[in-house]
C-alpha cells in the first residue's frame, strides 16, 4: 500500500474530504470529524477506532497494525504500516473508522446503496 493508495481509499467514503491536523493530512467526514490520518515521513497511516476494534485488528494483522494507546477522545489510533498493509484489510479498517465518525443518517444511507 502506498500513501496515495491510502489517501484514495479514505476519500472513497461518502462525504469525506481531506484536511490537515498537526501538520499531517487527515480525512474527515461532514462536520469535521477525523477518522484517519497519514504520516508521510514515516510511511504510515492511522485509523481511529474504539479500543475493542483496535484489539481486533491488531490480533488479526499484527504486522500491519501497531497499537497506540491514548488516542483522541478515548479512542485508539493504531498505526497502519503501509508497506505491510493489504488493500482488503485496510479498506475494512477505514470503513470501521468512517462509520465510527459518520452521522448515523449518513451511515444508514450508505448501507442502503
PDB file of N, CA and C in Angstrom:
ATOM      1  N   UNK A   1       0.861  -1.181   0.000  1.00  0.00           N
ATOM      2  CA  UNK A   1       0.000   0.000   0.000  1.00  0.00           C
ATOM      3  C   UNK A   1       0.898   1.232   0.000  1.00  0.00           C
ATOM      4  N   UNK A   2       0.468   2.232  -0.735  1.00  0.00           N
ATOM      5  CA  UNK A   2       1.194   3.492  -0.812  1.00  0.00           C
ATOM      6  C   UNK A   2       0.433   4.589  -0.070  1.00  0.00           C
ATOM      7  N   UNK A   3       1.110   5.713   0.146  1.00  0.00           N
ATOM      8  CA  UNK A   3       0.443   6.868   0.734  1.00  0.00           C
ATOM      9  C   UNK A   3      -0.736   7.285  -0.135  1.00  0.00           C
ATOM     10  N   UNK A   4      -0.517   7.325  -1.453  1.00  0.00           N
ATOM     11  CA  UNK A   4      -1.584   7.733  -2.365  1.00  0.00           C
ATOM     12  C   UNK A   4      -2.729   6.722  -2.357  1.00  0.00           C
ATOM     13  N   UNK A   5      -2.418   5.453  -2.263  1.00  0.00           N
ATOM     14  CA  UNK A   5      -3.459   4.430  -2.185  1.00  0.00           C
ATOM     15  C   UNK A   5      -4.309   4.583  -0.931  1.00  0.00           C
ATOM     16  N   UNK A   6      -3.668   4.860   0.213  1.00  0.00           N
ATOM     17  CA  UNK A   6      -4.391   5.106   1.462  1.00  0.00           C
ATOM     18  C   UNK A   6      -5.298   6.316   1.284  1.00  0.00           C
ATOM     19  N   UNK A   7      -4.738   7.398   0.725  1.00  0.00           N
ATOM     20  CA  UNK A   7      -5.495   8.642   0.510  1.00  0.00           C
ATOM     21  C   UNK A   7      -6.734   8.373  -0.359  1.00  0.00           C
ATOM     22  N   UNK A   8      -6.537   7.709  -1.472  1.00  0.00           N
ATOM     23  CA  UNK A   8      -7.656   7.439  -2.388  1.00  0.00           C
ATOM     24  C   UNK A   8      -8.718   6.560  -1.728  1.00  0.00           C
ATOM     25  N   UNK A   9      -8.276   5.579  -0.965  1.00  0.00           N
ATOM     26  CA  UNK A   9      -9.224   4.696  -0.294  1.00  0.00           C
ATOM     27  C   UNK A   9     -10.038   5.487   0.737  1.00  0.00           C
ATOM     28  N   UNK A  10      -9.365   6.308   1.538  1.00  0.00           N
ATOM     29  CA  UNK A  10     -10.060   7.104   2.554  1.00  0.00           C
ATOM     30  C   UNK A  10     -11.046   8.076   1.923  1.00  0.00           C
ATOM     31  N   UNK A  11     -10.650   8.692   0.828  1.00  0.00           N
ATOM     32  CA  UNK A  11     -11.522   9.670   0.170  1.00  0.00           C
ATOM     33  C   UNK A  11     -12.684   9.008  -0.579  1.00  0.00           C
ATOM     34  N   UNK A  12     -12.678   7.699  -0.662  1.00  0.00           N
ATOM     35  CA  UNK A  12     -13.738   6.977  -1.353  1.00  0.00           C
ATOM     36  C   UNK A  12     -15.021   6.820  -0.549  1.00  0.00           C
ATOM     37  N   UNK A  13     -14.998   7.195   0.712  1.00  0.00           N
ATOM     38  CA  UNK A  13     -16.196   7.076   1.543  1.00  0.00           C
ATOM     39  C   UNK A  13     -17.073   8.312   1.370  1.00  0.00           C
ATOM     40  N   UNK A  14     -18.391   8.156   1.509  1.00  0.00           N
ATOM     41  CA  UNK A  14     -19.311   9.276   1.294  1.00  0.00           C
ATOM     42  C   UNK A  14     -19.003  10.486   2.186  1.00  0.00           C
ATOM     43  N   UNK A  15     -19.119  11.655   1.579  1.00  0.00           N
ATOM     44  CA  UNK A  15     -18.992  12.947   2.266  1.00  0.00           C
ATOM     45  C   UNK A  15     -17.679  13.091   3.022  1.00  0.00           C
ATOM     46  N   UNK A  16     -16.617  12.532   2.463  1.00  0.00           N
ATOM     47  CA  UNK A  16     -15.285  12.602   3.055  1.00  0.00           C
ATOM     48  C   UNK A  16     -14.452  13.626   2.309  1.00  0.00           C
ATOM     49  N   UNK A  17     -13.625  14.353   3.063  1.00  0.00           N
ATOM     50  CA  UNK A  17     -12.701  15.309   2.442  1.00  0.00           C
ATOM     51  C   UNK A  17     -11.373  15.272   3.188  1.00  0.00           C
ATOM     52  N   UNK A  18     -10.334  15.767   2.520  1.00  0.00           N
ATOM     53  CA  UNK A  18      -9.010  15.811   3.127  1.00  0.00           C
ATOM     54  C   UNK A  18      -8.798  17.154   3.802  1.00  0.00           C
ATOM     55  N   UNK A  19      -8.219  17.117   4.986  1.00  0.00           N
ATOM     56  CA  UNK A  19      -7.854  18.313   5.727  1.00  0.00           C
ATOM     57  C   UNK A  19      -6.439  18.147   6.242  1.00  0.00           C
ATOM     58  N   UNK A  20      -6.130  18.817   7.329  1.00  0.00           N
ATOM     59  CA  UNK A  20      -4.811  18.692   7.947  1.00  0.00           C
ATOM     60  C   UNK A  20      -4.963  18.812   9.449  1.00  0.00           C
ATOM     61  N   UNK A  21      -4.136  18.069  10.153  1.00  0.00           N
ATOM     62  CA  UNK A  21      -4.154  18.068  11.618  1.00  0.00           C
ATOM     63  C   UNK A  21      -2.712  17.930  12.081  1.00  0.00           C
ATOM     64  N   UNK A  22      -2.244  18.894  12.841  1.00  0.00           N
ATOM     65  CA  UNK A  22      -0.882  18.865  13.370  1.00  0.00           C
ATOM     66  C   UNK A  22       0.160  18.638  12.272  1.00  0.00           C
ATOM     67  N   UNK A  23      -0.067  19.243  11.103  1.00  0.00           N
ATOM     68  CA  UNK A  23       0.881  19.141  10.004  1.00  0.00           C
ATOM     69  C   UNK A  23       0.802  17.867   9.196  1.00  0.00           C
ATOM     70  N   UNK A  24      -0.217  17.050   9.431  1.00  0.00           N
ATOM     71  CA  UNK A  24      -0.375  15.791   8.702  1.00  0.00           C
ATOM     72  C   UNK A  24      -1.705  15.798   7.965  1.00  0.00           C
ATOM     73  N   UNK A  25      -1.754  15.193   6.776  1.00  0.00           N
ATOM     74  CA  UNK A  25      -3.045  15.071   6.095  1.00  0.00           C
ATOM     75  C   UNK A  25      -3.990  14.227   6.938  1.00  0.00           C
ATOM     76  N   UNK A  26      -5.256  14.619   6.945  1.00  0.00           N
ATOM     77  CA  UNK A  26      -6.251  13.805   7.624  1.00  0.00           C
ATOM     78  C   UNK A  26      -7.486  13.685   6.750  1.00  0.00           C
ATOM     79  N   UNK A  27      -8.350  12.793   7.148  1.00  0.00           N
ATOM     80  CA  UNK A  27      -9.556  12.504   6.372  1.00  0.00           C
ATOM     81  C   UNK A  27     -10.734  12.657   7.310  1.00  0.00           C
ATOM     82  N   UNK A  28     -11.664  13.515   6.882  1.00  0.00           N
ATOM     83  CA  UNK A  28     -12.772  13.929   7.726  1.00  0.00           C
ATOM     84  C   UNK A  28     -14.104  13.677   7.035  1.00  0.00           C
ATOM     85  N   UNK A  29     -15.112  13.634   7.869  1.00  0.00           N
ATOM     86  CA  UNK A  29     -16.483  13.499   7.406  1.00  0.00           C
ATOM     87  C   UNK A  29     -17.170  14.833   7.637  1.00  0.00           C
ATOM     88  N   UNK A  30     -18.215  15.061   6.861  1.00  0.00           N
ATOM     89  CA  UNK A  30     -19.033  16.259   7.051  1.00  0.00           C
ATOM     90  C   UNK A  30     -19.125  16.579   8.541  1.00  0.00           C
ATOM     91  N   UNK A  31     -18.915  17.818   8.889  1.00  0.00           N
ATOM     92  CA  UNK A  31     -18.914  18.223  10.283  1.00  0.00           C
ATOM     93  C   UNK A  31     -17.510  18.265  10.862  1.00  0.00           C
ATOM     94  N   UNK A  32     -16.538  17.761  10.128  1.00  0.00           N
ATOM     95  CA  UNK A  32     -15.147  17.878  10.525  1.00  0.00           C
ATOM     96  C   UNK A  32     -14.565  16.764  11.362  1.00  0.00           C
ATOM     97  N   UNK A  33     -15.313  15.704  11.631  1.00  0.00           N
ATOM     98  CA  UNK A  33     -14.784  14.608  12.447  1.00  0.00           C
ATOM     99  C   UNK A  33     -13.717  13.837  11.668  1.00  0.00           C
ATOM    100  N   UNK A  34     -12.570  13.666  12.300  1.00  0.00           N
ATOM    101  CA  UNK A  34     -11.456  12.937  11.686  1.00  0.00           C
ATOM    102  C   UNK A  34     -11.644  11.438  11.919  1.00  0.00           C
ATOM    103  N   UNK A  35     -11.413  10.644  10.859  1.00  0.00           N
ATOM    104  CA  UNK A  35     -11.463   9.194  11.037  1.00  0.00           C
ATOM    105  C   UNK A  35     -10.144   8.516  10.670  1.00  0.00           C
ATOM    106  N   UNK A  36      -9.230   9.232  10.006  1.00  0.00           N
ATOM    107  CA  UNK A  36      -7.934   8.663   9.633  1.00  0.00           C
ATOM    108  C   UNK A  36      -6.949   9.785   9.346  1.00  0.00           C
ATOM    109  N   UNK A  37      -5.663   9.489   9.488  1.00  0.00           N
ATOM    110  CA  UNK A  37      -4.614  10.443   9.149  1.00  0.00           C
ATOM    111  C   UNK A  37      -3.485   9.712   8.441  1.00  0.00           C
ATOM    112  N   UNK A  38      -2.624  10.496   7.812  1.00  0.00           N
ATOM    113  CA  UNK A  38      -1.413   9.973   7.171  1.00  0.00           C
ATOM    114  C   UNK A  38      -0.197  10.641   7.784  1.00  0.00           C
ATOM    115  N   UNK A  39       0.859   9.893   7.922  1.00  0.00           N
ATOM    116  CA  UNK A  39       2.151  10.398   8.380  1.00  0.00           C
ATOM    117  C   UNK A  39       3.148  10.106   7.258  1.00  0.00           C
ATOM    118  N   UNK A  40       3.226  10.983   6.262  1.00  0.00           N
ATOM    119  CA  UNK A  40       4.046  10.708   5.080  1.00  0.00           C
ATOM    120  C   UNK A  40       5.518  10.415   5.360  1.00  0.00           C
ATOM    121  N   UNK A  41       6.157  11.149   6.271  1.00  0.00           N
ATOM    122  CA  UNK A  41       7.584  10.908   6.539  1.00  0.00           C
ATOM    123  C   UNK A  41       7.835   9.508   7.060  1.00  0.00           C
ATOM    124  N   UNK A  42       6.915   8.995   7.861  1.00  0.00           N
ATOM    125  CA  UNK A  42       7.074   7.671   8.452  1.00  0.00           C
ATOM    126  C   UNK A  42       6.462   6.573   7.595  1.00  0.00           C
ATOM    127  N   UNK A  43       5.733   6.951   6.551  1.00  0.00           N
ATOM    128  CA  UNK A  43       5.032   5.998   5.675  1.00  0.00           C
ATOM    129  C   UNK A  43       4.060   5.112   6.441  1.00  0.00           C
ATOM    130  N   UNK A  44       3.292   5.754   7.318  1.00  0.00           N
ATOM    131  CA  UNK A  44       2.226   5.007   7.979  1.00  0.00           C
ATOM    132  C   UNK A  44       0.960   5.830   7.988  1.00  0.00           C
ATOM    133  N   UNK A  45      -0.128   5.134   8.190  1.00  0.00           N
ATOM    134  CA  UNK A  45      -1.423   5.762   8.353  1.00  0.00           C
ATOM    135  C   UNK A  45      -1.904   5.520   9.768  1.00  0.00           C
ATOM    136  N   UNK A  46      -3.005   6.154  10.099  1.00  0.00           N
ATOM    137  CA  UNK A  46      -3.640   5.966  11.396  1.00  0.00           C
ATOM    138  C   UNK A  46      -5.139   5.875  11.150  1.00  0.00           C
ATOM    139  N   UNK A  47      -5.787   4.925  11.785  1.00  0.00           N
ATOM    140  CA  UNK A  47      -7.247   4.827  11.749  1.00  0.00           C
ATOM    141  C   UNK A  47      -7.752   4.977  13.183  1.00  0.00           C
ATOM    142  N   UNK A  48      -8.834   5.717  13.353  1.00  0.00           N
ATOM    143  CA  UNK A  48      -9.346   5.986  14.691  1.00  0.00           C
ATOM    144  C   UNK A  48     -10.437   4.973  15.016  1.00  0.00           C
ATOM    145  N   UNK A  49     -10.154   4.145  16.001  1.00  0.00           N
ATOM    146  CA  UNK A  49     -11.018   3.024  16.366  1.00  0.00           C
ATOM    147  C   UNK A  49     -11.347   3.060  17.848  1.00  0.00           C
ATOM    148  N   UNK A  50     -12.285   2.229  18.249  1.00  0.00           N
ATOM    149  CA  UNK A  50     -12.514   2.012  19.673  1.00  0.00           C
ATOM    150  C   UNK A  50     -11.407   1.075  20.167  1.00  0.00           C
ATOM    151  N   UNK A  51     -11.193   1.007  21.476  1.00  0.00           N
ATOM    152  CA  UNK A  51     -10.185   0.068  21.994  1.00  0.00           C
ATOM    153  C   UNK A  51     -10.447  -1.382  21.563  1.00  0.00           C
ATOM    154  N   UNK A  52     -11.706  -1.779  21.559  1.00  0.00           N
ATOM    155  CA  UNK A  52     -12.039  -3.154  21.164  1.00  0.00           C
ATOM    156  C   UNK A  52     -11.742  -3.384  19.686  1.00  0.00           C
ATOM    157  N   UNK A  53     -12.048  -2.412  18.853  1.00  0.00           N
ATOM    158  CA  UNK A  53     -11.773  -2.542  17.425  1.00  0.00           C
ATOM    159  C   UNK A  53     -10.271  -2.626  17.173  1.00  0.00           C
ATOM    160  N   UNK A  54      -9.496  -1.759  17.852  1.00  0.00           N
ATOM    161  CA  UNK A  54      -8.044  -1.811  17.684  1.00  0.00           C
ATOM    162  C   UNK A  54      -7.521  -3.194  18.069  1.00  0.00           C
ATOM    163  N   UNK A  55      -7.992  -3.700  19.179  1.00  0.00           N
ATOM    164  CA  UNK A  55      -7.549  -5.019  19.641  1.00  0.00           C
ATOM    165  C   UNK A  55      -7.816  -6.086  18.573  1.00  0.00           C
ATOM    166  N   UNK A  56      -8.987  -6.025  17.956  1.00  0.00           N
ATOM    167  CA  UNK A  56      -9.323  -6.999  16.924  1.00  0.00           C
ATOM    168  C   UNK A  56      -8.435  -6.895  15.693  1.00  0.00           C
ATOM    169  N   UNK A  57      -8.180  -5.673  15.227  1.00  0.00           N
ATOM    170  CA  UNK A  57      -7.328  -5.506  14.047  1.00  0.00           C
ATOM    171  C   UNK A  57      -5.883  -5.904  14.344  1.00  0.00           C
ATOM    172  N   UNK A  58      -5.384  -5.549  15.523  1.00  0.00           N
ATOM    173  CA  UNK A  58      -4.017  -5.917  15.885  1.00  0.00           C
ATOM    174  C   UNK A  58      -3.893  -7.439  15.972  1.00  0.00           C
ATOM    175  N   UNK A  59      -4.904  -8.099  16.540  1.00  0.00           N
ATOM    176  CA  UNK A  59      -4.868  -9.562  16.653  1.00  0.00           C
ATOM    177  C   UNK A  59      -4.929 -10.228  15.281  1.00  0.00           C
ATOM    178  N   UNK A  60      -5.709  -9.647  14.372  1.00  0.00           N
ATOM    179  CA  UNK A  60      -5.890 -10.229  13.040  1.00  0.00           C
ATOM    180  C   UNK A  60      -4.691  -9.994  12.129  1.00  0.00           C
ATOM    181  N   UNK A  61      -4.088  -8.805  12.211  1.00  0.00           N
ATOM    182  CA  UNK A  61      -2.990  -8.446  11.311  1.00  0.00           C
ATOM    183  C   UNK A  61      -1.904  -7.690  12.083  1.00  0.00           C
ATOM    184  N   UNK A  62      -1.168  -8.397  12.958  1.00  0.00           N
ATOM    185  CA  UNK A  62      -0.195  -7.717  13.813  1.00  0.00           C
ATOM    186  C   UNK A  62       0.974  -7.074  13.070  1.00  0.00           C
ATOM    187  N   UNK A  63       1.318  -7.539  11.895  1.00  0.00           N
ATOM    188  CA  UNK A  63       2.400  -6.910  11.124  1.00  0.00           C
ATOM    189  C   UNK A  63       1.931  -5.601  10.495  1.00  0.00           C
ATOM    190  N   UNK A  64       0.645  -5.476  10.315  1.00  0.00           N
ATOM    191  CA  UNK A  64       0.072  -4.303   9.656  1.00  0.00           C
ATOM    192  C   UNK A  64      -0.334  -3.219  10.641  1.00  0.00           C
ATOM    193  N   UNK A  65      -0.880  -3.600  11.787  1.00  0.00           N
ATOM    194  CA  UNK A  65      -1.394  -2.653  12.778  1.00  0.00           C
ATOM    195  C   UNK A  65      -0.522  -2.660  14.030  1.00  0.00           C
ATOM    196  N   UNK A  66      -0.057  -1.471  14.420  1.00  0.00           N
ATOM    197  CA  UNK A  66       0.735  -1.317  15.633  1.00  0.00           C
ATOM    198  C   UNK A  66      -0.119  -0.539  16.626  1.00  0.00           C
ATOM    199  N   UNK A  67      -0.443  -1.132  17.778  1.00  0.00           N
ATOM    200  CA  UNK A  67      -1.333  -0.453  18.721  1.00  0.00           C
ATOM    201  C   UNK A  67      -0.695   0.807  19.299  1.00  0.00           C
ATOM    202  N   UNK A  68      -1.516   1.833  19.428  1.00  0.00           N
ATOM    203  CA  UNK A  68      -1.101   3.082  20.057  1.00  0.00           C
ATOM    204  C   UNK A  68      -2.193   3.455  21.042  1.00  0.00           C
ATOM    205  N   UNK A  69      -1.846   3.573  22.295  1.00  0.00           N
ATOM    206  CA  UNK A  69      -2.836   3.912  23.326  1.00  0.00           C
ATOM    207  C   UNK A  69      -2.989   5.416  23.442  1.00  0.00           C
ATOM    208  N   UNK A  70      -4.146   5.824  23.976  1.00  0.00           N
ATOM    209  CA  UNK A  70      -4.353   7.229  24.287  1.00  0.00           C
ATOM    210  C   UNK A  70      -4.709   8.081  23.095  1.00  0.00           C
ATOM    211  N   UNK A  71      -5.502   7.538  22.194  1.00  0.00           N
ATOM    212  CA  UNK A  71      -5.938   8.300  21.029  1.00  0.00           C
ATOM    213  C   UNK A  71      -6.926   9.384  21.407  1.00  0.00           C
ATOM    214  N   UNK A  72      -7.386  10.093  20.390  1.00  0.00           N
ATOM    215  CA  UNK A  72      -8.330  11.188  20.598  1.00  0.00           C
ATOM    216  C   UNK A  72      -9.613  10.678  21.238  1.00  0.00           C
ATOM    217  N   UNK A  73     -10.119  11.439  22.171  1.00  0.00           N
ATOM    218  CA  UNK A  73     -11.419  11.179  22.792  1.00  0.00           C
ATOM    219  C   UNK A  73     -11.591   9.738  23.244  1.00  0.00           C
ATOM    220  N   UNK A  74     -10.598   9.216  23.922  1.00  0.00           N
ATOM    221  CA  UNK A  74     -10.628   7.845  24.440  1.00  0.00           C
ATOM    222  C   UNK A  74     -10.774   6.802  23.338  1.00  0.00           C
ATOM    223  N   UNK A  75     -10.303   7.142  22.163  1.00  0.00           N
ATOM    224  CA  UNK A  75     -10.268   6.173  21.063  1.00  0.00           C
ATOM    225  C   UNK A  75      -8.854   5.630  20.964  1.00  0.00           C
ATOM    226  N   UNK A  76      -8.699   4.589  20.247  1.00  0.00           N
ATOM    227  CA  UNK A  76      -7.377   4.040  19.962  1.00  0.00           C
ATOM    228  C   UNK A  76      -7.060   4.371  18.510  1.00  0.00           C
ATOM    229  N   UNK A  77      -5.810   4.599  18.243  1.00  0.00           N
ATOM    230  CA  UNK A  77      -5.392   5.033  16.913  1.00  0.00           C
ATOM    231  C   UNK A  77      -4.204   4.204  16.442  1.00  0.00           C
ATOM    232  N   UNK A  78      -4.436   2.967  16.024  1.00  0.00           N
ATOM    233  CA  UNK A  78      -3.299   2.143  15.619  1.00  0.00           C
ATOM    234  C   UNK A  78      -2.613   2.691  14.367  1.00  0.00           C
ATOM    235  N   UNK A  79      -1.297   2.592  14.365  1.00  0.00           N
ATOM    236  CA  UNK A  79      -0.541   2.910  13.159  1.00  0.00           C
ATOM    237  C   UNK A  79      -0.761   1.773  12.165  1.00  0.00           C
ATOM    238  N   UNK A  80      -0.906   2.144  10.916  1.00  0.00           N
ATOM    239  CA  UNK A  80      -1.021   1.176   9.833  1.00  0.00           C
ATOM    240  C   UNK A  80       0.297   1.220   9.076  1.00  0.00           C
ATOM    241  N   UNK A  81       1.058   0.159   9.133  1.00  0.00           N
ATOM    242  CA  UNK A  81       2.336   0.090   8.430  1.00  0.00           C
ATOM    243  C   UNK A  81       2.025  -0.160   6.962  1.00  0.00           C
ATOM    244  N   UNK A  82       2.132   0.894   6.153  1.00  0.00           N
ATOM    245  CA  UNK A  82       1.639   0.826   4.771  1.00  0.00           C
ATOM    246  C   UNK A  82       2.347  -0.229   3.938  1.00  0.00           C
ATOM    247  N   UNK A  83       3.638  -0.406   4.123  1.00  0.00           N
ATOM    248  CA  UNK A  83       4.354  -1.388   3.293  1.00  0.00           C
ATOM    249  C   UNK A  83       3.899  -2.821   3.577  1.00  0.00           C
ATOM    250  N   UNK A  84       3.228  -3.027   4.715  1.00  0.00           N
ATOM    251  CA  UNK A  84       2.739  -4.359   5.073  1.00  0.00           C
ATOM    252  C   UNK A  84       1.218  -4.461   4.983  1.00  0.00           C
ATOM    253  N   UNK A  85       0.583  -3.408   4.517  1.00  0.00           N
ATOM    254  CA  UNK A  85      -0.881  -3.351   4.516  1.00  0.00           C
ATOM    255  C   UNK A  85      -1.476  -4.047   3.306  1.00  0.00           C
ATOM    256  N   UNK A  86      -2.497  -4.840   3.558  1.00  0.00           N
ATOM    257  CA  UNK A  86      -3.271  -5.411   2.450  1.00  0.00           C
ATOM    258  C   UNK A  86      -4.423  -4.456   2.151  1.00  0.00           C
ATOM    259  N   UNK A  87      -4.773  -4.339   0.885  1.00  0.00           N
ATOM    260  CA  UNK A  87      -5.870  -3.442   0.490  1.00  0.00           C
ATOM    261  C   UNK A  87      -7.168  -3.845   1.166  1.00  0.00           C
ATOM    262  N   UNK A  88      -7.446  -5.115   1.180  1.00  0.00           N
ATOM    263  CA  UNK A  88      -8.718  -5.600   1.732  1.00  0.00           C
ATOM    264  C   UNK A  88      -8.845  -5.250   3.213  1.00  0.00           C
ATOM    265  N   UNK A  89      -7.813  -5.547   4.000  1.00  0.00           N
ATOM    266  CA  UNK A  89      -7.868  -5.291   5.433  1.00  0.00           C
ATOM    267  C   UNK A  89      -7.892  -3.792   5.721  1.00  0.00           C
ATOM    268  N   UNK A  90      -7.116  -3.011   4.966  1.00  0.00           N
ATOM    269  CA  UNK A  90      -7.126  -1.564   5.165  1.00  0.00           C
ATOM    270  C   UNK A  90      -8.493  -0.978   4.847  1.00  0.00           C
ATOM    271  N   UNK A  91      -9.121  -1.446   3.780  1.00  0.00           N
ATOM    272  CA  UNK A  91     -10.451  -0.938   3.429  1.00  0.00           C
ATOM    273  C   UNK A  91     -11.450  -1.220   4.558  1.00  0.00           C
ATOM    274  N   UNK A  92     -11.360  -2.400   5.137  1.00  0.00           N
ATOM    275  CA  UNK A  92     -12.249  -2.747   6.251  1.00  0.00           C
ATOM    276  C   UNK A  92     -11.979  -1.826   7.444  1.00  0.00           C
ATOM    277  N   UNK A  93     -10.710  -1.617   7.792  1.00  0.00           N
ATOM    278  CA  UNK A  93     -10.366  -0.758   8.928  1.00  0.00           C
ATOM    279  C   UNK A  93     -10.824   0.677   8.691  1.00  0.00           C
ATOM    280  N   UNK A  94     -10.615   1.193   7.484  1.00  0.00           N
ATOM    281  CA  UNK A  94     -11.071   2.549   7.172  1.00  0.00           C
ATOM    282  C   UNK A  94     -12.592   2.641   7.235  1.00  0.00           C
ATOM    283  N   UNK A  95     -13.284   1.598   6.769  1.00  0.00           N
ATOM    284  CA  UNK A  95     -14.749   1.600   6.822  1.00  0.00           C
ATOM    285  C   UNK A  95     -15.245   1.626   8.266  1.00  0.00           C
ATOM    286  N   UNK A  96     -14.597   0.870   9.128  1.00  0.00           N
ATOM    287  CA  UNK A  96     -14.975   0.868  10.543  1.00  0.00           C
ATOM    288  C   UNK A  96     -14.737   2.252  11.145  1.00  0.00           C
ATOM    289  N   UNK A  97     -13.574   2.834  10.874  1.00  0.00           N
ATOM    290  CA  UNK A  97     -13.256   4.170  11.402  1.00  0.00           C
ATOM    291  C   UNK A  97     -14.222   5.216  10.858  1.00  0.00           C
ATOM    292  N   UNK A  98     -14.562   5.114   9.561  1.00  0.00           N
ATOM    293  CA  UNK A  98     -15.508   6.048   8.945  1.00  0.00           C
ATOM    294  C   UNK A  98     -16.877   5.943   9.626  1.00  0.00           C
ATOM    295  N   UNK A  99     -17.357   4.704   9.824  1.00  0.00           N
ATOM    296  CA  UNK A  99     -18.656   4.511  10.488  1.00  0.00           C
ATOM    297  C   UNK A  99     -18.651   5.038  11.919  1.00  0.00           C
ATOM    298  N   UNK A 100     -17.520   4.914  12.600  1.00  0.00           N
ATOM    299  CA  UNK A 100     -17.425   5.446  13.966  1.00  0.00           C
ATOM    300  C   UNK A 100     -17.637   6.954  13.988  1.00  0.00           C
ATOM    301  N   UNK A 101     -17.153   7.650  12.971  1.00  0.00           N
ATOM    302  CA  UNK A 101     -17.178   9.115  12.948  1.00  0.00           C
ATOM    303  C   UNK A 101     -18.385   9.701  12.218  1.00  0.00           C
ATOM    304  N   UNK A 102     -18.973   8.948  11.313  1.00  0.00           N
ATOM    305  CA  UNK A 102     -20.053   9.474  10.472  1.00  0.00           C
ATOM    306  C   UNK A 102     -21.364   9.619  11.247  1.00  0.00           C
ATOM    307  N   UNK A 103     -22.160  10.610  10.874  1.00  0.00           N
ATOM    308  CA  UNK A 103     -23.502  10.716  11.455  1.00  0.00           C
ATOM    309  C   UNK A 103     -24.319   9.457  11.136  1.00  0.00           C
ATOM    310  N   UNK A 104     -25.174   9.066  12.047  1.00  0.00           N
ATOM    311  CA  UNK A 104     -25.954   7.828  11.867  1.00  0.00           C
ATOM    312  C   UNK A 104     -26.762   7.818  10.571  1.00  0.00           C
ATOM    313  N   UNK A 105     -27.340   8.961  10.218  1.00  0.00           N
ATOM    314  CA  UNK A 105     -28.137   9.025   8.986  1.00  0.00           C
ATOM    315  C   UNK A 105     -27.274   8.758   7.758  1.00  0.00           C
ATOM    316  N   UNK A 106     -26.045   9.253   7.761  1.00  0.00           N
ATOM    317  CA  UNK A 106     -25.141   9.038   6.635  1.00  0.00           C
ATOM    318  C   UNK A 106     -24.740   7.562   6.549  1.00  0.00           C
ATOM    319  N   UNK A 107     -24.463   6.936   7.675  1.00  0.00           N
ATOM    320  CA  UNK A 107     -24.131   5.520   7.699  1.00  0.00           C
ATOM    321  C   UNK A 107     -25.315   4.714   7.162  1.00  0.00           C
ATOM    322  N   UNK A 108     -26.510   5.013   7.637  1.00  0.00           N
ATOM    323  CA  UNK A 108     -27.702   4.287   7.188  1.00  0.00           C
ATOM    324  C   UNK A 108     -27.908   4.462   5.686  1.00  0.00           C
ATOM    325  N   UNK A 109     -27.740   5.689   5.192  1.00  0.00           N
ATOM    326  CA  UNK A 109     -27.910   5.943   3.758  1.00  0.00           C
ATOM    327  C   UNK A 109     -26.874   5.200   2.939  1.00  0.00           C
ATOM    328  N   UNK A 110     -25.626   5.129   3.419  1.00  0.00           N
ATOM    329  CA  UNK A 110     -24.581   4.441   2.667  1.00  0.00           C
ATOM    330  C   UNK A 110     -24.800   2.937   2.656  1.00  0.00           C
ATOM    331  N   UNK A 111     -25.421   2.401   3.691  1.00  0.00           N
ATOM    332  CA  UNK A 111     -25.686   0.957   3.745  1.00  0.00           C
ATOM    333  C   UNK A 111     -26.856   0.556   2.850  1.00  0.00           C
ATOM    334  N   UNK A 112     -27.730   1.519   2.536  1.00  0.00           N
ATOM    335  CA  UNK A 112     -28.866   1.227   1.635  1.00  0.00           C
ATOM    336  C   UNK A 112     -28.428   1.208   0.178  1.00  0.00           C
ATOM    337  N   UNK A 113     -27.294   1.829  -0.111  1.00  0.00           N
ATOM    338  CA  UNK A 113     -26.834   1.925  -1.509  1.00  0.00           C
ATOM    339  C   UNK A 113     -26.299   0.620  -2.017  1.00  0.00           C
TER     340      UNK A 113
END
